[in-house]
Amino acid sequence: ASIKVNGYNPPCRIAGAMLAKRAGMADSQMGGLAFAKAA
């Protein structure tokens, strides 16, 4: 199999909020904002 890269995937708050929820962070919305910066 072969995959062609189409580009970078910028971090978004939606994925960040889910990450924060799964990681047990107290505030998923703030976690989403933190993810956008940290990633």
PDB file of all heavy atoms in Angstrom:
ATOM      1  N   ALA A   1       0.832  -1.205   0.000  1.00  0.00           N
ATOM      2  CA  ALA A   1       0.000   0.000   0.000  1.00  0.00           C
ATOM      3  C   ALA A   1       0.865   1.253   0.000  1.00  0.00           C
ATOM      4  O   ALA A   1       2.017   1.232   0.441  1.00  0.00           O
ATOM      5  CB  ALA A   1      -0.924   0.007   1.220  1.00  0.00           C
ATOM      6  N   SER A   2       0.294   2.346  -0.486  1.00  0.00           N
ATOM      7  CA  SER A   2       1.014   3.613  -0.518  1.00  0.00           C
ATOM      8  C   SER A   2       0.047   4.756  -0.229  1.00  0.00           C
ATOM      9  O   SER A   2      -1.085   4.767  -0.721  1.00  0.00           O
ATOM     10  CB  SER A   2       1.678   3.820  -1.876  1.00  0.00           C
ATOM     11  OG  SER A   2       2.407   5.027  -1.906  1.00  0.00           O
ATOM     12  N   ILE A   3       0.500   5.701   0.593  1.00  0.00           N
ATOM     13  CA  ILE A   3      -0.298   6.876   0.949  1.00  0.00           C
ATOM     14  C   ILE A   3       0.464   8.126   0.537  1.00  0.00           C
ATOM     15  O   ILE A   3       1.675   8.236   0.791  1.00  0.00           O
ATOM     16  CB  ILE A   3      -0.585   6.903   2.464  1.00  0.00           C
ATOM     17  CG1 ILE A   3      -1.512   5.744   2.847  1.00  0.00           C
ATOM     18  CG2 ILE A   3      -1.197   8.233   2.882  1.00  0.00           C
ATOM     19  CD1 ILE A   3      -1.675   5.570   4.346  1.00  0.00           C
ATOM     20  N   LYS A   4      -0.229   9.061  -0.083  1.00  0.00           N
ATOM     21  CA  LYS A   4       0.382  10.347  -0.427  1.00  0.00           C
ATOM     22  C   LYS A   4      -0.012  11.385   0.612  1.00  0.00           C
ATOM     23  O   LYS A   4      -1.192  11.545   0.939  1.00  0.00           O
ATOM     24  CB  LYS A   4      -0.047  10.809  -1.819  1.00  0.00           C
ATOM     25  CG  LYS A   4       0.511  12.196  -2.178  1.00  0.00           C
ATOM     26  CD  LYS A   4       0.294  12.545  -3.635  1.00  0.00           C
ATOM     27  CE  LYS A   4       1.336  11.865  -4.516  1.00  0.00           C
ATOM     28  NZ  LYS A   4       1.280  12.337  -5.911  1.00  0.00           N
ATOM     29  N   VAL A   5       0.979  12.081   1.140  1.00  0.00           N
ATOM     30  CA  VAL A   5       0.739  13.147   2.107  1.00  0.00           C
ATOM     31  C   VAL A   5       0.166  14.361   1.377  1.00  0.00           C
ATOM     32  O   VAL A   5       0.723  14.821   0.378  1.00  0.00           O
ATOM     33  CB  VAL A   5       2.043  13.531   2.837  1.00  0.00           C
ATOM     34  CG1 VAL A   5       1.846  14.789   3.680  1.00  0.00           C
ATOM     35  CG2 VAL A   5       2.541  12.377   3.696  1.00  0.00           C
ATOM     36  N   ASN A   6      -0.948  14.874   1.898  1.00  0.00           N
ATOM     37  CA  ASN A   6      -1.554  16.068   1.305  1.00  0.00           C
ATOM     38  C   ASN A   6      -1.285  17.328   2.102  1.00  0.00           C
ATOM     39  O   ASN A   6      -1.520  18.432   1.606  1.00  0.00           O
ATOM     40  CB  ASN A   6      -3.065  15.866   1.156  1.00  0.00           C
ATOM     41  CG  ASN A   6      -3.386  14.843   0.089  1.00  0.00           C
ATOM     42  OD1 ASN A   6      -2.751  14.789  -0.952  1.00  0.00           O
ATOM     43  ND2 ASN A   6      -4.364  13.986   0.353  1.00  0.00           N
ATOM     44  N   GLY A   7      -0.791  17.177   3.321  1.00  0.00           N
ATOM     45  CA  GLY A   7      -0.442  18.365   4.081  1.00  0.00           C
ATOM     46  C   GLY A   7      -0.471  18.146   5.583  1.00  0.00           C
ATOM     47  O   GLY A   7      -0.814  17.066   6.090  1.00  0.00           O
ATOM     48  N   TYR A   8      -0.105  19.197   6.270  1.00  0.00           N
ATOM     49  CA  TYR A   8      -0.117  19.233   7.734  1.00  0.00           C
ATOM     50  C   TYR A   8      -1.561  19.289   8.227  1.00  0.00           C
ATOM     51  O   TYR A   8      -2.434  19.854   7.565  1.00  0.00           O
ATOM     52  CB  TYR A   8       0.672  20.460   8.203  1.00  0.00           C
ATOM     53  CG  TYR A   8       0.607  20.743   9.676  1.00  0.00           C
ATOM     54  CD1 TYR A   8       1.082  19.824  10.606  1.00  0.00           C
ATOM     55  CD2 TYR A   8       0.071  21.946  10.141  1.00  0.00           C
ATOM     56  CE1 TYR A   8       1.031  20.089  11.967  1.00  0.00           C
ATOM     57  CE2 TYR A   8       0.017  22.221  11.501  1.00  0.00           C
ATOM     58  CZ  TYR A   8       0.488  21.293  12.407  1.00  0.00           C
ATOM     59  OH  TYR A   8       0.421  21.549  13.751  1.00  0.00           O
ATOM     60  N   ASN A   9      -1.814  18.705   9.383  1.00  0.00           N
ATOM     61  CA  ASN A   9      -3.151  18.675   9.966  1.00  0.00           C
ATOM     62  C   ASN A   9      -3.188  19.586  11.197  1.00  0.00           C
ATOM     63  O   ASN A   9      -2.851  19.144  12.298  1.00  0.00           O
ATOM     64  CB  ASN A   9      -3.526  17.241  10.356  1.00  0.00           C
ATOM     65  CG  ASN A   9      -4.974  17.103  10.751  1.00  0.00           C
ATOM     66  OD1 ASN A   9      -5.795  17.961  10.454  1.00  0.00           O
ATOM     67  ND2 ASN A   9      -5.296  16.003  11.412  1.00  0.00           N
ATOM     68  N   PRO A  10      -3.576  20.843  11.047  1.00  0.00           N
ATOM     69  CA  PRO A  10      -3.547  21.768  12.193  1.00  0.00           C
ATOM     70  C   PRO A  10      -4.429  21.297  13.333  1.00  0.00           C
ATOM     71  O   PRO A  10      -5.514  20.741  13.102  1.00  0.00           O
ATOM     72  CB  PRO A  10      -4.079  23.081  11.594  1.00  0.00           C
ATOM     73  CG  PRO A  10      -3.896  22.948  10.118  1.00  0.00           C
ATOM     74  CD  PRO A  10      -4.073  21.493   9.826  1.00  0.00           C
ATOM     75  N   PRO A  11      -3.999  21.501  14.585  1.00  0.00           N
ATOM     76  CA  PRO A  11      -4.819  21.084  15.730  1.00  0.00           C
ATOM     77  C   PRO A  11      -6.082  21.927  15.839  1.00  0.00           C
ATOM     78  O   PRO A  11      -6.051  23.132  15.587  1.00  0.00           O
ATOM     79  CB  PRO A  11      -3.889  21.311  16.927  1.00  0.00           C
ATOM     80  CG  PRO A  11      -2.919  22.350  16.464  1.00  0.00           C
ATOM     81  CD  PRO A  11      -2.724  22.111  15.002  1.00  0.00           C
ATOM     82  N   CYS A  12      -7.182  21.285  16.199  1.00  0.00           N
ATOM     83  CA  CYS A  12      -8.436  22.014  16.362  1.00  0.00           C
ATOM     84  C   CYS A  12      -8.979  21.798  17.771  1.00  0.00           C
ATOM     85  O   CYS A  12      -8.633  20.829  18.451  1.00  0.00           O
ATOM     86  CB  CYS A  12      -9.465  21.580  15.324  1.00  0.00           C
ATOM     87  SG  CYS A  12     -10.096  19.905  15.546  1.00  0.00           S
ATOM     88  N   ARG A  13      -9.853  22.690  18.195  1.00  0.00           N
ATOM     89  CA  ARG A  13     -10.395  22.630  19.558  1.00  0.00           C
ATOM     90  C   ARG A  13     -11.330  21.440  19.767  1.00  0.00           C
ATOM     91  O   ARG A  13     -11.472  20.949  20.882  1.00  0.00           O
ATOM     92  CB  ARG A  13     -11.126  23.937  19.875  1.00  0.00           C
ATOM     93  CG  ARG A  13     -10.173  25.116  20.088  1.00  0.00           C
ATOM     94  CD  ARG A  13     -10.929  26.381  20.395  1.00  0.00           C
ATOM     95  NE  ARG A  13     -11.667  26.868  19.228  1.00  0.00           N
ATOM     96  CZ  ARG A  13     -12.478  27.917  19.239  1.00  0.00           C
ATOM     97  NH1 ARG A  13     -12.665  28.580  20.356  1.00  0.00           N
ATOM     98  NH2 ARG A  13     -13.079  28.303  18.142  1.00  0.00           N
ATOM     99  N   ILE A  14     -11.980  20.974  18.684  1.00  0.00           N
ATOM    100  CA  ILE A  14     -12.899  19.839  18.822  1.00  0.00           C
ATOM    101  C   ILE A  14     -12.132  18.579  19.223  1.00  0.00           C
ATOM    102  O   ILE A  14     -12.498  17.884  20.180  1.00  0.00           O
ATOM    103  CB  ILE A  14     -13.674  19.617  17.513  1.00  0.00           C
ATOM    104  CG1 ILE A  14     -14.563  20.827  17.224  1.00  0.00           C
ATOM    105  CG2 ILE A  14     -14.502  18.343  17.597  1.00  0.00           C
ATOM    106  CD1 ILE A  14     -15.258  20.772  15.886  1.00  0.00           C
ATOM    107  N   ALA A  15     -11.042  18.293  18.476  1.00  0.00           N
ATOM    108  CA  ALA A  15     -10.208  17.147  18.840  1.00  0.00           C
ATOM    109  C   ALA A  15      -9.582  17.356  20.208  1.00  0.00           C
ATOM    110  O   ALA A  15      -9.468  16.415  21.008  1.00  0.00           O
ATOM    111  CB  ALA A  15      -9.137  16.933  17.781  1.00  0.00           C
ATOM    112  N   GLY A  16      -9.188  18.606  20.489  1.00  0.00           N
ATOM    113  CA  GLY A  16      -8.585  18.908  21.784  1.00  0.00           C
ATOM    114  C   GLY A  16      -9.540  18.698  22.939  1.00  0.00           C
ATOM    115  O   GLY A  16      -9.158  18.223  24.013  1.00  0.00           O
ATOM    116  N   ALA A  17     -10.820  19.043  22.727  1.00  0.00           N
ATOM    117  CA  ALA A  17     -11.819  18.850  23.782  1.00  0.00           C
ATOM    118  C   ALA A  17     -12.027  17.365  24.070  1.00  0.00           C
ATOM    119  O   ALA A  17     -12.189  16.956  25.223  1.00  0.00           O
ATOM    120  CB  ALA A  17     -13.132  19.513  23.379  1.00  0.00           C
ATOM    121  N   MET A  18     -12.037  16.539  23.007  1.00  0.00           N
ATOM    122  CA  MET A  18     -12.173  15.098  23.210  1.00  0.00           C
ATOM    123  C   MET A  18     -10.950  14.543  23.945  1.00  0.00           C
ATOM    124  O   MET A  18     -11.077  13.719  24.859  1.00  0.00           O
ATOM    125  CB  MET A  18     -12.339  14.388  21.869  1.00  0.00           C
ATOM    126  CG  MET A  18     -12.489  12.868  21.976  1.00  0.00           C
ATOM    127  SD  MET A  18     -13.961  12.373  22.899  1.00  0.00           S
ATOM    128  CE  MET A  18     -15.222  12.698  21.648  1.00  0.00           C
ATOM    129  N   LEU A  19      -9.778  14.999  23.550  1.00  0.00           N
ATOM    130  CA  LEU A  19      -8.551  14.576  24.227  1.00  0.00           C
ATOM    131  C   LEU A  19      -8.622  14.926  25.712  1.00  0.00           C
ATOM    132  O   LEU A  19      -8.309  14.104  26.580  1.00  0.00           O
ATOM    133  CB  LEU A  19      -7.357  15.267  23.574  1.00  0.00           C
ATOM    134  CG  LEU A  19      -5.944  14.947  24.078  1.00  0.00           C
ATOM    135  CD1 LEU A  19      -4.924  15.287  22.997  1.00  0.00           C
ATOM    136  CD2 LEU A  19      -5.598  15.733  25.335  1.00  0.00           C
ATOM    137  N   ALA A  20      -9.034  16.162  25.999  1.00  0.00           N
ATOM    138  CA  ALA A  20      -9.107  16.615  27.389  1.00  0.00           C
ATOM    139  C   ALA A  20     -10.081  15.768  28.186  1.00  0.00           C
ATOM    140  O   ALA A  20      -9.821  15.406  29.345  1.00  0.00           O
ATOM    141  CB  ALA A  20      -9.523  18.083  27.426  1.00  0.00           C
ATOM    142  N   LYS A  21     -11.208  15.416  27.562  1.00  0.00           N
ATOM    143  CA  LYS A  21     -12.206  14.575  28.225  1.00  0.00           C
ATOM    144  C   LYS A  21     -11.634  13.200  28.530  1.00  0.00           C
ATOM    145  O   LYS A  21     -11.764  12.691  29.647  1.00  0.00           O
ATOM    146  CB  LYS A  21     -13.439  14.460  27.340  1.00  0.00           C
ATOM    147  CG  LYS A  21     -14.542  13.589  27.911  1.00  0.00           C
ATOM    148  CD  LYS A  21     -15.723  13.516  26.953  1.00  0.00           C
ATOM    149  CE  LYS A  21     -16.817  12.593  27.477  1.00  0.00           C
ATOM    150  NZ  LYS A  21     -17.964  12.521  26.523  1.00  0.00           N
ATOM    151  N   ARG A  22     -10.987  12.578  27.532  1.00  0.00           N
ATOM    152  CA  ARG A  22     -10.439  11.236  27.727  1.00  0.00           C
ATOM    153  C   ARG A  22      -9.274  11.226  28.707  1.00  0.00           C
ATOM    154  O   ARG A  22      -9.033  10.235  29.398  1.00  0.00           O
ATOM    155  CB  ARG A  22      -9.982  10.665  26.388  1.00  0.00           C
ATOM    156  CG  ARG A  22     -11.095  10.466  25.364  1.00  0.00           C
ATOM    157  CD  ARG A  22     -12.196   9.605  25.897  1.00  0.00           C
ATOM    158  NE  ARG A  22     -13.221   9.317  24.900  1.00  0.00           N
ATOM    159  CZ  ARG A  22     -14.467   8.998  25.180  1.00  0.00           C
ATOM    160  NH1 ARG A  22     -14.855   8.919  26.443  1.00  0.00           N
ATOM    161  NH2 ARG A  22     -15.336   8.759  24.218  1.00  0.00           N
ATOM    162  N   ALA A  23      -8.546  12.345  28.766  1.00  0.00           N
ATOM    163  CA  ALA A  23      -7.402  12.428  29.673  1.00  0.00           C
ATOM    164  C   ALA A  23      -7.823  12.780  31.092  1.00  0.00           C
ATOM    165  O   ALA A  23      -6.989  12.818  32.000  1.00  0.00           O
ATOM    166  CB  ALA A  23      -6.405  13.457  29.150  1.00  0.00           C
ATOM    167  N   GLY A  24      -9.122  13.073  31.292  1.00  0.00           N
ATOM    168  CA  GLY A  24      -9.624  13.374  32.630  1.00  0.00           C
ATOM    169  C   GLY A  24      -9.389  14.795  33.077  1.00  0.00           C
ATOM    170  O   GLY A  24      -9.405  15.080  34.286  1.00  0.00           O
ATOM    171  N   MET A  25      -9.202  15.719  32.134  1.00  0.00           N
ATOM    172  CA  MET A  25      -9.013  17.116  32.492  1.00  0.00           C
ATOM    173  C   MET A  25     -10.336  17.703  32.977  1.00  0.00           C
ATOM    174  O   MET A  25     -11.415  17.346  32.494  1.00  0.00           O
ATOM    175  CB  MET A  25      -8.481  17.906  31.295  1.00  0.00           C
ATOM    176  CG  MET A  25      -7.112  17.431  30.812  1.00  0.00           C
ATOM    177  SD  MET A  25      -6.504  18.313  29.347  1.00  0.00           S
ATOM    178  CE  MET A  25      -6.181  19.950  30.055  1.00  0.00           C
ATOM    179  N   ALA A  26     -10.270  18.619  33.930  1.00  0.00           N
ATOM    180  CA  ALA A  26     -11.473  19.158  34.556  1.00  0.00           C
ATOM    181  C   ALA A  26     -12.332  19.962  33.590  1.00  0.00           C
ATOM    182  O   ALA A  26     -13.559  19.909  33.651  1.00  0.00           O
ATOM    183  CB  ALA A  26     -11.082  20.016  35.765  1.00  0.00           C
ATOM    184  N   ASP A  27     -11.706  20.708  32.699  1.00  0.00           N
ATOM    185  CA  ASP A  27     -12.427  21.576  31.771  1.00  0.00           C
ATOM    186  C   ASP A  27     -12.053  21.189  30.342  1.00  0.00           C
ATOM    187  O   ASP A  27     -10.958  21.519  29.873  1.00  0.00           O
ATOM    188  CB  ASP A  27     -12.072  23.043  32.046  1.00  0.00           C
ATOM    189  CG  ASP A  27     -12.940  24.027  31.276  1.00  0.00           C
ATOM    190  OD1 ASP A  27     -13.388  23.678  30.162  1.00  0.00           O
ATOM    191  OD2 ASP A  27     -13.157  25.148  31.767  1.00  0.00           O
ATOM    192  N   SER A  28     -12.944  20.495  29.644  1.00  0.00           N
ATOM    193  CA  SER A  28     -12.618  20.019  28.293  1.00  0.00           C
ATOM    194  C   SER A  28     -12.479  21.159  27.291  1.00  0.00           C
ATOM    195  O   SER A  28     -11.689  21.068  26.358  1.00  0.00           O
ATOM    196  CB  SER A  28     -13.676  19.023  27.813  1.00  0.00           C
ATOM    197  OG  SER A  28     -14.953  19.637  27.739  1.00  0.00           O
ATOM    198  N   GLN A  29     -13.244  22.243  27.489  1.00  0.00           N
ATOM    199  CA  GLN A  29     -13.146  23.370  26.555  1.00  0.00           C
ATOM    200  C   GLN A  29     -11.797  24.076  26.691  1.00  0.00           C
ATOM    201  O   GLN A  29     -11.153  24.406  25.694  1.00  0.00           O
ATOM    202  CB  GLN A  29     -14.292  24.362  26.798  1.00  0.00           C
ATOM    203  CG  GLN A  29     -15.675  23.774  26.520  1.00  0.00           C
ATOM    204  CD  GLN A  29     -15.790  23.205  25.120  1.00  0.00           C
ATOM    205  OE1 GLN A  29     -15.405  23.848  24.137  1.00  0.00           O
ATOM    206  NE2 GLN A  29     -16.301  21.976  25.018  1.00  0.00           N
ATOM    207  N   MET A  30     -11.366  24.288  27.919  1.00  0.00           N
ATOM    208  CA  MET A  30     -10.045  24.877  28.132  1.00  0.00           C
ATOM    209  C   MET A  30      -8.957  23.917  27.678  1.00  0.00           C
ATOM    210  O   MET A  30      -7.926  24.332  27.152  1.00  0.00           O
ATOM    211  CB  MET A  30      -9.862  25.236  29.616  1.00  0.00           C
ATOM    212  CG  MET A  30     -10.700  26.408  30.083  1.00  0.00           C
ATOM    213  SD  MET A  30     -10.366  27.931  29.138  1.00  0.00           S
ATOM    214  CE  MET A  30      -8.654  28.236  29.616  1.00  0.00           C
ATOM    215  N   GLY A  31      -9.210  22.611  27.852  1.00  0.00           N
ATOM    216  CA  GLY A  31      -8.261  21.614  27.368  1.00  0.00           C
ATOM    217  C   GLY A  31      -8.122  21.659  25.869  1.00  0.00           C
ATOM    218  O   GLY A  31      -7.028  21.488  25.319  1.00  0.00           O
ATOM    219  N   GLY A  32      -9.245  21.921  25.181  1.00  0.00           N
ATOM    220  CA  GLY A  32      -9.212  22.048  23.727  1.00  0.00           C
ATOM    221  C   GLY A  32      -8.370  23.223  23.281  1.00  0.00           C
ATOM    222  O   GLY A  32      -7.601  23.124  22.321  1.00  0.00           O
ATOM    223  N   LEU A  33      -8.486  24.329  23.977  1.00  0.00           N
ATOM    224  CA  LEU A  33      -7.673  25.507  23.660  1.00  0.00           C
ATOM    225  C   LEU A  33      -6.197  25.229  23.944  1.00  0.00           C
ATOM    226  O   LEU A  33      -5.320  25.634  23.178  1.00  0.00           O
ATOM    227  CB  LEU A  33      -8.151  26.710  24.474  1.00  0.00           C
ATOM    228  CG  LEU A  33      -9.535  27.259  24.116  1.00  0.00           C
ATOM    229  CD1 LEU A  33      -9.960  28.311  25.134  1.00  0.00           C
ATOM    230  CD2 LEU A  33      -9.529  27.851  22.713  1.00  0.00           C
ATOM    231  N   ALA A  34      -5.937  24.523  25.035  1.00  0.00           N
ATOM    232  CA  ALA A  34      -4.553  24.189  25.386  1.00  0.00           C
ATOM    233  C   ALA A  34      -3.942  23.266  24.335  1.00  0.00           C
ATOM    234  O   ALA A  34      -2.767  23.405  23.975  1.00  0.00           O
ATOM    235  CB  ALA A  34      -4.513  23.536  26.763  1.00  0.00           C
ATOM    236  N   PHE A  35      -4.739  22.330  23.835  1.00  0.00           N
ATOM    237  CA  PHE A  35      -4.252  21.410  22.808  1.00  0.00           C
ATOM    238  C   PHE A  35      -3.871  22.163  21.541  1.00  0.00           C
ATOM    239  O   PHE A  35      -2.838  21.880  20.927  1.00  0.00           O
ATOM    240  CB  PHE A  35      -5.334  20.375  22.491  1.00  0.00           C
ATOM    241  CG  PHE A  35      -5.030  19.511  21.296  1.00  0.00           C
ATOM    242  CD1 PHE A  35      -4.027  18.544  21.353  1.00  0.00           C
ATOM    243  CD2 PHE A  35      -5.741  19.652  20.115  1.00  0.00           C
ATOM    244  CE1 PHE A  35      -3.738  17.744  20.253  1.00  0.00           C
ATOM    245  CE2 PHE A  35      -5.472  18.858  19.012  1.00  0.00           C
ATOM    246  CZ  PHE A  35      -4.464  17.904  19.079  1.00  0.00           C
ATOM    247  N   ALA A  36      -4.700  23.109  21.122  1.00  0.00           N
ATOM    248  CA  ALA A  36      -4.417  23.875  19.905  1.00  0.00           C
ATOM    249  C   ALA A  36      -3.059  24.563  19.982  1.00  0.00           C
ATOM    250  O   ALA A  36      -2.344  24.666  18.979  1.00  0.00           O
ATOM    251  CB  ALA A  36      -5.527  24.898  19.666  1.00  0.00           C
ATOM    252  N   LYS A  37      -2.687  24.999  21.165  1.00  0.00           N
ATOM    253  CA  LYS A  37      -1.381  25.657  21.364  1.00  0.00           C
ATOM    254  C   LYS A  37      -0.264  24.628  21.523  1.00  0.00           C
ATOM    255  O   LYS A  37       0.802  24.745  20.903  1.00  0.00           O
ATOM    256  CB  LYS A  37      -1.443  26.564  22.593  1.00  0.00           C
ATOM    257  CG  LYS A  37      -0.152  27.308  22.867  1.00  0.00           C
ATOM    258  CD  LYS A  37      -0.296  28.228  24.068  1.00  0.00           C
ATOM    259  CE  LYS A  37       1.002  28.982  24.349  1.00  0.00           C
ATOM    260  NZ  LYS A  37       0.857  29.885  25.527  1.00  0.00           N
ATOM    261  N   ALA A  38      -0.507  23.598  22.325  1.00  0.00           N
ATOM    262  CA  ALA A  38       0.535  22.610  22.640  1.00  0.00           C
ATOM    263  C   ALA A  38       0.902  21.749  21.445  1.00  0.00           C
ATOM    264  O   ALA A  38       2.016  21.225  21.364  1.00  0.00           O
ATOM    265  CB  ALA A  38       0.073  21.725  23.789  1.00  0.00           C
ATOM    266  N   ALA A  39      -0.042  21.572  20.506  1.00  0.00           N
ATOM    267  CA  ALA A  39       0.172  20.656  19.376  1.00  0.00           C
ATOM    268  C   ALA A  39       0.615  21.365  18.105  1.00  0.00           C
ATOM    269  O   ALA A  39       0.695  20.736  17.040  1.00  0.00           O
ATOM    270  CB  ALA A  39      -1.103  19.869  19.100  1.00  0.00           C
TER     271      ALA A  39
END
